[in-house]
Amino acid sequence: MGFLSRIDRHTDLFQKMADTVGVDLGEAVYRGQLPPEGLRGAVLACMSCQGAAECPGWLGAHAEGSSAAPDYCRNRTLLARLQA
């Protein structure tokens, strides 16, 4: 998989994870809670996560939503902060 394809894949995973835990990333950026470089950093963190292969299954199992991202998620703390 090429680099740009990996970026697209992990951008999608991060967006779905945010949606699942009730975080509106667009609103967070708009409000200044998540600067654009923070969004980029979150995608890069997702790309280097050892558990990213587990995300599609976890997201499917939590299609109705979840109060928190899984323990292995490298963006778990960021998402929790944005939930507040």
PDB file of N, CA and C in Angstrom:
ATOM      1  N   MET A   1       0.844  -1.169   0.000  1.00  0.00           N
ATOM      2  CA  MET A   1       0.000   0.000   0.000  1.00  0.00           C
ATOM      3  C   MET A   1       0.891   1.234   0.000  1.00  0.00           C
ATOM      4  N   GLY A   2       0.601   2.172  -0.895  1.00  0.00           N
ATOM      5  CA  GLY A   2       1.383   3.387  -1.000  1.00  0.00           C
ATOM      6  C   GLY A   2       1.123   4.339   0.160  1.00  0.00           C
ATOM      7  N   PHE A   3       2.022   5.281   0.313  1.00  0.00           N
ATOM      8  CA  PHE A   3       1.952   6.234   1.416  1.00  0.00           C
ATOM      9  C   PHE A   3       0.642   7.020   1.402  1.00  0.00           C
ATOM     10  N   LEU A   4       0.244   7.542   0.256  1.00  0.00           N
ATOM     11  CA  LEU A   4      -0.989   8.330   0.193  1.00  0.00           C
ATOM     12  C   LEU A   4      -2.216   7.472   0.476  1.00  0.00           C
ATOM     13  N   SER A   5      -2.191   6.239   0.055  1.00  0.00           N
ATOM     14  CA  SER A   5      -3.294   5.328   0.364  1.00  0.00           C
ATOM     15  C   SER A   5      -3.362   5.058   1.861  1.00  0.00           C
ATOM     16  N   ARG A   6      -2.196   4.937   2.494  1.00  0.00           N
ATOM     17  CA  ARG A   6      -2.151   4.733   3.951  1.00  0.00           C
ATOM     18  C   ARG A   6      -2.695   5.953   4.677  1.00  0.00           C
ATOM     19  N   ILE A   7      -2.350   7.145   4.207  1.00  0.00           N
ATOM     20  CA  ILE A   7      -2.882   8.366   4.821  1.00  0.00           C
ATOM     21  C   ILE A   7      -4.397   8.379   4.705  1.00  0.00           C
ATOM     22  N   ASP A   8      -4.911   8.072   3.523  1.00  0.00           N
ATOM     23  CA  ASP A   8      -6.364   8.039   3.326  1.00  0.00           C
ATOM     24  C   ASP A   8      -7.022   7.024   4.256  1.00  0.00           C
ATOM     25  N   ARG A   9      -6.436   5.839   4.353  1.00  0.00           N
ATOM     26  CA  ARG A   9      -7.002   4.780   5.194  1.00  0.00           C
ATOM     27  C   ARG A   9      -7.058   5.210   6.650  1.00  0.00           C
ATOM     28  N   HIS A  10      -5.984   5.796   7.146  1.00  0.00           N
ATOM     29  CA  HIS A  10      -5.924   6.168   8.560  1.00  0.00           C
ATOM     30  C   HIS A  10      -6.708   7.440   8.854  1.00  0.00           C
ATOM     31  N   THR A  11      -6.838   8.312   7.880  1.00  0.00           N
ATOM     32  CA  THR A  11      -7.724   9.465   8.049  1.00  0.00           C
ATOM     33  C   THR A  11      -9.146   8.961   8.237  1.00  0.00           C
ATOM     34  N   ASP A  12      -9.539   7.995   7.425  1.00  0.00           N
ATOM     35  CA  ASP A  12     -10.869   7.412   7.528  1.00  0.00           C
ATOM     36  C   ASP A  12     -11.058   6.698   8.867  1.00  0.00           C
ATOM     37  N   LEU A  13     -10.066   5.921   9.287  1.00  0.00           N
ATOM     38  CA  LEU A  13     -10.169   5.230  10.576  1.00  0.00           C
ATOM     39  C   LEU A  13     -10.297   6.224  11.727  1.00  0.00           C
ATOM     40  N   PHE A  14      -9.487   7.280  11.708  1.00  0.00           N
ATOM     41  CA  PHE A  14      -9.538   8.266  12.784  1.00  0.00           C
ATOM     42  C   PHE A  14     -10.888   8.980  12.795  1.00  0.00           C
ATOM     43  N   GLN A  15     -11.403   9.320  11.633  1.00  0.00           N
ATOM     44  CA  GLN A  15     -12.714   9.971  11.550  1.00  0.00           C
ATOM     45  C   GLN A  15     -13.803   9.053  12.095  1.00  0.00           C
ATOM     46  N   LYS A  16     -13.762   7.780  11.718  1.00  0.00           N
ATOM     47  CA  LYS A  16     -14.763   6.828  12.211  1.00  0.00           C
ATOM     48  C   LYS A  16     -14.639   6.615  13.714  1.00  0.00           C
ATOM     49  N   MET A  17     -13.418   6.586  14.220  1.00  0.00           N
ATOM     50  CA  MET A  17     -13.221   6.432  15.661  1.00  0.00           C
ATOM     51  C   MET A  17     -13.787   7.652  16.389  1.00  0.00           C
ATOM     52  N   ALA A  18     -13.516   8.836  15.861  1.00  0.00           N
ATOM     53  CA  ALA A  18     -14.048  10.057  16.467  1.00  0.00           C
ATOM     54  C   ALA A  18     -15.572  10.033  16.460  1.00  0.00           C
ATOM     55  N   ASP A  19     -16.157   9.680  15.336  1.00  0.00           N
ATOM     56  CA  ASP A  19     -17.613   9.603  15.248  1.00  0.00           C
ATOM     57  C   ASP A  19     -18.175   8.611  16.269  1.00  0.00           C
ATOM     58  N   THR A  20     -17.511   7.479  16.410  1.00  0.00           N
ATOM     59  CA  THR A  20     -17.981   6.423  17.310  1.00  0.00           C
ATOM     60  C   THR A  20     -17.983   6.867  18.769  1.00  0.00           C
ATOM     61  N   VAL A  21     -17.012   7.703  19.140  1.00  0.00           N
ATOM     62  CA  VAL A  21     -16.958   8.176  20.533  1.00  0.00           C
ATOM     63  C   VAL A  21     -17.633   9.543  20.696  1.00  0.00           C
ATOM     64  N   GLY A  22     -18.302  10.008  19.649  1.00  0.00           N
ATOM     65  CA  GLY A  22     -19.088  11.231  19.752  1.00  0.00           C
ATOM     66  C   GLY A  22     -18.325  12.527  19.611  1.00  0.00           C
ATOM     67  N   VAL A  23     -17.195  12.488  18.905  1.00  0.00           N
ATOM     68  CA  VAL A  23     -16.399  13.696  18.694  1.00  0.00           C
ATOM     69  C   VAL A  23     -16.595  14.191  17.272  1.00  0.00           C
ATOM     70  N   ASP A  24     -16.991  15.435  17.141  1.00  0.00           N
ATOM     71  CA  ASP A  24     -17.129  16.094  15.838  1.00  0.00           C
ATOM     72  C   ASP A  24     -15.801  16.800  15.545  1.00  0.00           C
ATOM     73  N   LEU A  25     -14.977  16.179  14.701  1.00  0.00           N
ATOM     74  CA  LEU A  25     -13.645  16.733  14.428  1.00  0.00           C
ATOM     75  C   LEU A  25     -13.722  18.103  13.761  1.00  0.00           C
ATOM     76  N   GLY A  26     -14.662  18.287  12.848  1.00  0.00           N
ATOM     77  CA  GLY A  26     -14.809  19.588  12.191  1.00  0.00           C
ATOM     78  C   GLY A  26     -15.117  20.680  13.195  1.00  0.00           C
ATOM     79  N   GLU A  27     -15.993  20.393  14.126  1.00  0.00           N
ATOM     80  CA  GLU A  27     -16.347  21.358  15.171  1.00  0.00           C
ATOM     81  C   GLU A  27     -15.150  21.624  16.086  1.00  0.00           C
ATOM     82  N   ALA A  28     -14.394  20.575  16.404  1.00  0.00           N
ATOM     83  CA  ALA A  28     -13.211  20.732  17.261  1.00  0.00           C
ATOM     84  C   ALA A  28     -12.170  21.628  16.592  1.00  0.00           C
ATOM     85  N   VAL A  29     -11.991  21.468  15.291  1.00  0.00           N
ATOM     86  CA  VAL A  29     -11.053  22.328  14.558  1.00  0.00           C
ATOM     87  C   VAL A  29     -11.599  23.758  14.534  1.00  0.00           C
ATOM     88  N   TYR A  30     -12.872  23.906  14.237  1.00  0.00           N
ATOM     89  CA  TYR A  30     -13.507  25.225  14.164  1.00  0.00           C
ATOM     90  C   TYR A  30     -13.373  25.975  15.491  1.00  0.00           C
ATOM     91  N   ARG A  31     -13.578  25.282  16.607  1.00  0.00           N
ATOM     92  CA  ARG A  31     -13.508  25.901  17.931  1.00  0.00           C
ATOM     93  C   ARG A  31     -12.083  26.111  18.423  1.00  0.00           C
ATOM     94  N   GLY A  32     -11.108  25.620  17.686  1.00  0.00           N
ATOM     95  CA  GLY A  32      -9.719  25.775  18.098  1.00  0.00           C
ATOM     96  C   GLY A  32      -9.266  24.738  19.106  1.00  0.00           C
ATOM     97  N   GLN A  33     -10.094  23.734  19.370  1.00  0.00           N
ATOM     98  CA  GLN A  33      -9.717  22.664  20.297  1.00  0.00           C
ATOM     99  C   GLN A  33      -8.717  21.708  19.664  1.00  0.00           C
ATOM    100  N   LEU A  34      -8.734  21.645  18.355  1.00  0.00           N
ATOM    101  CA  LEU A  34      -7.841  20.765  17.604  1.00  0.00           C
ATOM    102  C   LEU A  34      -7.293  21.549  16.421  1.00  0.00           C
ATOM    103  N   PRO A  35      -6.073  22.085  16.563  1.00  0.00           N
ATOM    104  CA  PRO A  35      -5.500  22.819  15.441  1.00  0.00           C
ATOM    105  C   PRO A  35      -5.235  21.887  14.262  1.00  0.00           C
ATOM    106  N   PRO A  36      -5.196  22.429  13.052  1.00  0.00           N
ATOM    107  CA  PRO A  36      -4.964  21.578  11.872  1.00  0.00           C
ATOM    108  C   PRO A  36      -3.737  20.669  12.014  1.00  0.00           C
ATOM    109  N   GLU A  37      -2.673  21.189  12.604  1.00  0.00           N
ATOM    110  CA  GLU A  37      -1.484  20.345  12.767  1.00  0.00           C
ATOM    111  C   GLU A  37      -1.732  19.230  13.774  1.00  0.00           C
ATOM    112  N   GLY A  38      -2.646  19.443  14.725  1.00  0.00           N
ATOM    113  CA  GLY A  38      -3.031  18.390  15.664  1.00  0.00           C
ATOM    114  C   GLY A  38      -3.813  17.293  14.975  1.00  0.00           C
ATOM    115  N   LEU A  39      -4.652  17.696  14.032  1.00  0.00           N
ATOM    116  CA  LEU A  39      -5.400  16.717  13.238  1.00  0.00           C
ATOM    117  C   LEU A  39      -4.444  15.882  12.400  1.00  0.00           C
ATOM    118  N   ARG A  40      -3.490  16.550  11.785  1.00  0.00           N
ATOM    119  CA  ARG A  40      -2.479  15.844  10.988  1.00  0.00           C
ATOM    120  C   ARG A  40      -1.677  14.893  11.872  1.00  0.00           C
ATOM    121  N   GLY A  41      -1.307  15.353  13.057  1.00  0.00           N
ATOM    122  CA  GLY A  41      -0.559  14.513  13.993  1.00  0.00           C
ATOM    123  C   GLY A  41      -1.344  13.293  14.436  1.00  0.00           C
ATOM    124  N   ALA A  42      -2.654  13.467  14.605  1.00  0.00           N
ATOM    125  CA  ALA A  42      -3.505  12.340  15.004  1.00  0.00           C
ATOM    126  C   ALA A  42      -3.547  11.277  13.912  1.00  0.00           C
ATOM    127  N   VAL A  43      -3.619  11.713  12.668  1.00  0.00           N
ATOM    128  CA  VAL A  43      -3.614  10.754  11.555  1.00  0.00           C
ATOM    129  C   VAL A  43      -2.274  10.025  11.506  1.00  0.00           C
ATOM    130  N   LEU A  44      -1.192  10.753  11.702  1.00  0.00           N
ATOM    131  CA  LEU A  44       0.131  10.114  11.699  1.00  0.00           C
ATOM    132  C   LEU A  44       0.274   9.150  12.870  1.00  0.00           C
ATOM    133  N   ALA A  45      -0.279   9.509  14.024  1.00  0.00           N
ATOM    134  CA  ALA A  45      -0.249   8.594  15.177  1.00  0.00           C
ATOM    135  C   ALA A  45      -1.024   7.323  14.853  1.00  0.00           C
ATOM    136  N   CYS A  46      -2.162   7.478  14.207  1.00  0.00           N
ATOM    137  CA  CYS A  46      -2.956   6.318  13.795  1.00  0.00           C
ATOM    138  C   CYS A  46      -2.151   5.438  12.839  1.00  0.00           C
ATOM    139  N   MET A  47      -1.425   6.060  11.943  1.00  0.00           N
ATOM    140  CA  MET A  47      -0.630   5.297  10.970  1.00  0.00           C
ATOM    141  C   MET A  47       0.433   4.444  11.639  1.00  0.00           C
ATOM    142  N   SER A  48       0.921   4.886  12.794  1.00  0.00           N
ATOM    143  CA  SER A  48       1.987   4.136  13.457  1.00  0.00           C
ATOM    144  C   SER A  48       1.468   3.251  14.592  1.00  0.00           C
ATOM    145  N   CYS A  49       0.148   3.177  14.731  1.00  0.00           N
ATOM    146  CA  CYS A  49      -0.449   2.375  15.800  1.00  0.00           C
ATOM    147  C   CYS A  49      -0.335   0.888  15.483  1.00  0.00           C
ATOM    148  N   GLN A  50       0.116   0.132  16.462  1.00  0.00           N
ATOM    149  CA  GLN A  50       0.251  -1.315  16.293  1.00  0.00           C
ATOM    150  C   GLN A  50      -1.107  -2.023  16.278  1.00  0.00           C
ATOM    151  N   GLY A  51      -2.154  -1.357  16.779  1.00  0.00           N
ATOM    152  CA  GLY A  51      -3.462  -1.976  16.843  1.00  0.00           C
ATOM    153  C   GLY A  51      -4.418  -1.547  15.746  1.00  0.00           C
ATOM    154  N   ALA A  52      -3.948  -0.752  14.792  1.00  0.00           N
ATOM    155  CA  ALA A  52      -4.833  -0.207  13.755  1.00  0.00           C
ATOM    156  C   ALA A  52      -5.561  -1.287  12.962  1.00  0.00           C
ATOM    157  N   ALA A  53      -4.956  -2.438  12.807  1.00  0.00           N
ATOM    158  CA  ALA A  53      -5.609  -3.525  12.069  1.00  0.00           C
ATOM    159  C   ALA A  53      -6.851  -4.029  12.805  1.00  0.00           C
ATOM    160  N   GLU A  54      -6.921  -3.781  14.116  1.00  0.00           N
ATOM    161  CA  GLU A  54      -8.062  -4.193  14.928  1.00  0.00           C
ATOM    162  C   GLU A  54      -9.233  -3.211  14.816  1.00  0.00           C
ATOM    163  N   CYS A  55      -8.973  -2.000  14.355  1.00  0.00           N
ATOM    164  CA  CYS A  55      -9.992  -0.943  14.365  1.00  0.00           C
ATOM    165  C   CYS A  55     -11.250  -1.267  13.559  1.00  0.00           C
ATOM    166  N   PRO A  56     -11.151  -1.768  12.341  1.00  0.00           N
ATOM    167  CA  PRO A  56     -12.401  -2.054  11.623  1.00  0.00           C
ATOM    168  C   PRO A  56     -13.330  -2.984  12.393  1.00  0.00           C
ATOM    169  N   GLY A  57     -12.789  -4.011  13.004  1.00  0.00           N
ATOM    170  CA  GLY A  57     -13.602  -4.921  13.801  1.00  0.00           C
ATOM    171  C   GLY A  57     -14.170  -4.246  15.033  1.00  0.00           C
ATOM    172  N   TRP A  58     -13.340  -3.462  15.725  1.00  0.00           N
ATOM    173  CA  TRP A  58     -13.801  -2.750  16.914  1.00  0.00           C
ATOM    174  C   TRP A  58     -14.894  -1.761  16.547  1.00  0.00           C
ATOM    175  N   LEU A  59     -14.689  -1.026  15.465  1.00  0.00           N
ATOM    176  CA  LEU A  59     -15.687  -0.049  15.025  1.00  0.00           C
ATOM    177  C   LEU A  59     -17.001  -0.742  14.658  1.00  0.00           C
ATOM    178  N   GLY A  60     -16.911  -1.877  13.999  1.00  0.00           N
ATOM    179  CA  GLY A  60     -18.116  -2.630  13.650  1.00  0.00           C
ATOM    180  C   GLY A  60     -18.866  -3.109  14.878  1.00  0.00           C
ATOM    181  N   ALA A  61     -18.120  -3.522  15.886  1.00  0.00           N
ATOM    182  CA  ALA A  61     -18.735  -4.012  17.120  1.00  0.00           C
ATOM    183  C   ALA A  61     -19.324  -2.882  17.959  1.00  0.00           C
ATOM    184  N   HIS A  62     -18.919  -1.653  17.664  1.00  0.00           N
ATOM    185  CA  HIS A  62     -19.397  -0.487  18.420  1.00  0.00           C
ATOM    186  C   HIS A  62     -20.132   0.496  17.508  1.00  0.00           C
ATOM    187  N   ALA A  63     -20.864  -0.055  16.551  1.00  0.00           N
ATOM    188  CA  ALA A  63     -21.565   0.787  15.582  1.00  0.00           C
ATOM    189  C   ALA A  63     -22.583   1.724  16.238  1.00  0.00           C
ATOM    190  N   GLU A  64     -23.068   1.355  17.410  1.00  0.00           N
ATOM    191  CA  GLU A  64     -24.032   2.202  18.133  1.00  0.00           C
ATOM    192  C   GLU A  64     -23.333   3.275  18.960  1.00  0.00           C
ATOM    193  N   GLY A  65     -22.002   3.253  18.979  1.00  0.00           N
ATOM    194  CA  GLY A  65     -21.241   4.245  19.734  1.00  0.00           C
ATOM    195  C   GLY A  65     -20.522   3.639  20.913  1.00  0.00           C
ATOM    196  N   SER A  66     -19.628   4.415  21.480  1.00  0.00           N
ATOM    197  CA  SER A  66     -18.837   3.985  22.630  1.00  0.00           C
ATOM    198  C   SER A  66     -18.460   5.219  23.437  1.00  0.00           C
ATOM    199  N   SER A  67     -18.260   5.033  24.709  1.00  0.00           N
ATOM    200  CA  SER A  67     -17.867   6.154  25.563  1.00  0.00           C
ATOM    201  C   SER A  67     -16.378   6.471  25.452  1.00  0.00           C
ATOM    202  N   ALA A  68     -15.597   5.538  24.900  1.00  0.00           N
ATOM    203  CA  ALA A  68     -14.152   5.757  24.779  1.00  0.00           C
ATOM    204  C   ALA A  68     -13.585   4.900  23.652  1.00  0.00           C
ATOM    205  N   ALA A  69     -12.482   5.361  23.112  1.00  0.00           N
ATOM    206  CA  ALA A  69     -11.738   4.586  22.116  1.00  0.00           C
ATOM    207  C   ALA A  69     -11.100   3.390  22.822  1.00  0.00           C
ATOM    208  N   PRO A  70     -10.739   2.356  22.082  1.00  0.00           N
ATOM    209  CA  PRO A  70     -10.111   1.184  22.713  1.00  0.00           C
ATOM    210  C   PRO A  70      -8.778   1.551  23.362  1.00  0.00           C
ATOM    211  N   ASP A  71      -8.381   0.742  24.329  1.00  0.00           N
ATOM    212  CA  ASP A  71      -7.148   0.999  25.078  1.00  0.00           C
ATOM    213  C   ASP A  71      -5.922   1.128  24.179  1.00  0.00           C
ATOM    214  N   TYR A  72      -5.869   0.382  23.092  1.00  0.00           N
ATOM    215  CA  TYR A  72      -4.687   0.392  22.229  1.00  0.00           C
ATOM    216  C   TYR A  72      -4.600   1.631  21.336  1.00  0.00           C
ATOM    217  N   CYS A  73      -5.679   2.407  21.261  1.00  0.00           N
ATOM    218  CA  CYS A  73      -5.719   3.552  20.338  1.00  0.00           C
ATOM    219  C   CYS A  73      -4.723   4.626  20.747  1.00  0.00           C
ATOM    220  N   ARG A  74      -3.873   5.007  19.832  1.00  0.00           N
ATOM    221  CA  ARG A  74      -2.873   6.043  20.120  1.00  0.00           C
ATOM    222  C   ARG A  74      -3.496   7.429  20.240  1.00  0.00           C
ATOM    223  N   ASN A  75      -4.750   7.563  19.833  1.00  0.00           N
ATOM    224  CA  ASN A  75      -5.455   8.840  19.933  1.00  0.00           C
ATOM    225  C   ASN A  75      -6.514   8.831  21.043  1.00  0.00           C
ATOM    226  N   ARG A  76      -6.497   7.829  21.875  1.00  0.00           N
ATOM    227  CA  ARG A  76      -7.489   7.694  22.940  1.00  0.00           C
ATOM    228  C   ARG A  76      -7.522   8.930  23.850  1.00  0.00           C
ATOM    229  N   THR A  77      -6.389   9.408  24.290  1.00  0.00           N
ATOM    230  CA  THR A  77      -6.335  10.564  25.179  1.00  0.00           C
ATOM    231  C   THR A  77      -6.844  11.817  24.473  1.00  0.00           C
ATOM    232  N   LEU A  78      -6.437  12.015  23.233  1.00  0.00           N
ATOM    233  CA  LEU A  78      -6.899  13.163  22.454  1.00  0.00           C
ATOM    234  C   LEU A  78      -8.409  13.118  22.303  1.00  0.00           C
ATOM    235  N   LEU A  79      -8.952  11.983  21.924  1.00  0.00           N
ATOM    236  CA  LEU A  79     -10.387  11.865  21.748  1.00  0.00           C
ATOM    237  C   LEU A  79     -11.132  12.095  23.059  1.00  0.00           C
ATOM    238  N   ALA A  80     -10.599  11.600  24.156  1.00  0.00           N
ATOM    239  CA  ALA A  80     -11.231  11.822  25.467  1.00  0.00           C
ATOM    240  C   ALA A  80     -11.241  13.310  25.805  1.00  0.00           C
ATOM    241  N   ARG A  81     -10.163  13.994  25.506  1.00  0.00           N
ATOM    242  CA  ARG A  81     -10.098  15.440  25.767  1.00  0.00           C
ATOM    243  C   ARG A  81     -11.128  16.186  24.922  1.00  0.00           C
ATOM    244  N   LEU A  82     -11.307  15.759  23.681  1.00  0.00           N
ATOM    245  CA  LEU A  82     -12.249  16.426  22.788  1.00  0.00           C
ATOM    246  C   LEU A  82     -13.709  16.104  23.126  1.00  0.00           C
ATOM    247  N   GLN A  83     -13.940  15.037  23.854  1.00  0.00           N
ATOM    248  CA  GLN A  83     -15.295  14.692  24.286  1.00  0.00           C
ATOM    249  C   GLN A  83     -15.795  15.675  25.350  1.00  0.00           C
ATOM    250  N   ALA A  84     -14.897  16.217  26.111  1.00  0.00           N
ATOM    251  CA  ALA A  84     -15.286  17.095  27.238  1.00  0.00           C
ATOM    252  C   ALA A  84     -15.820  18.431  26.774  1.00  0.00           C
TER     253      ALA A  84
END
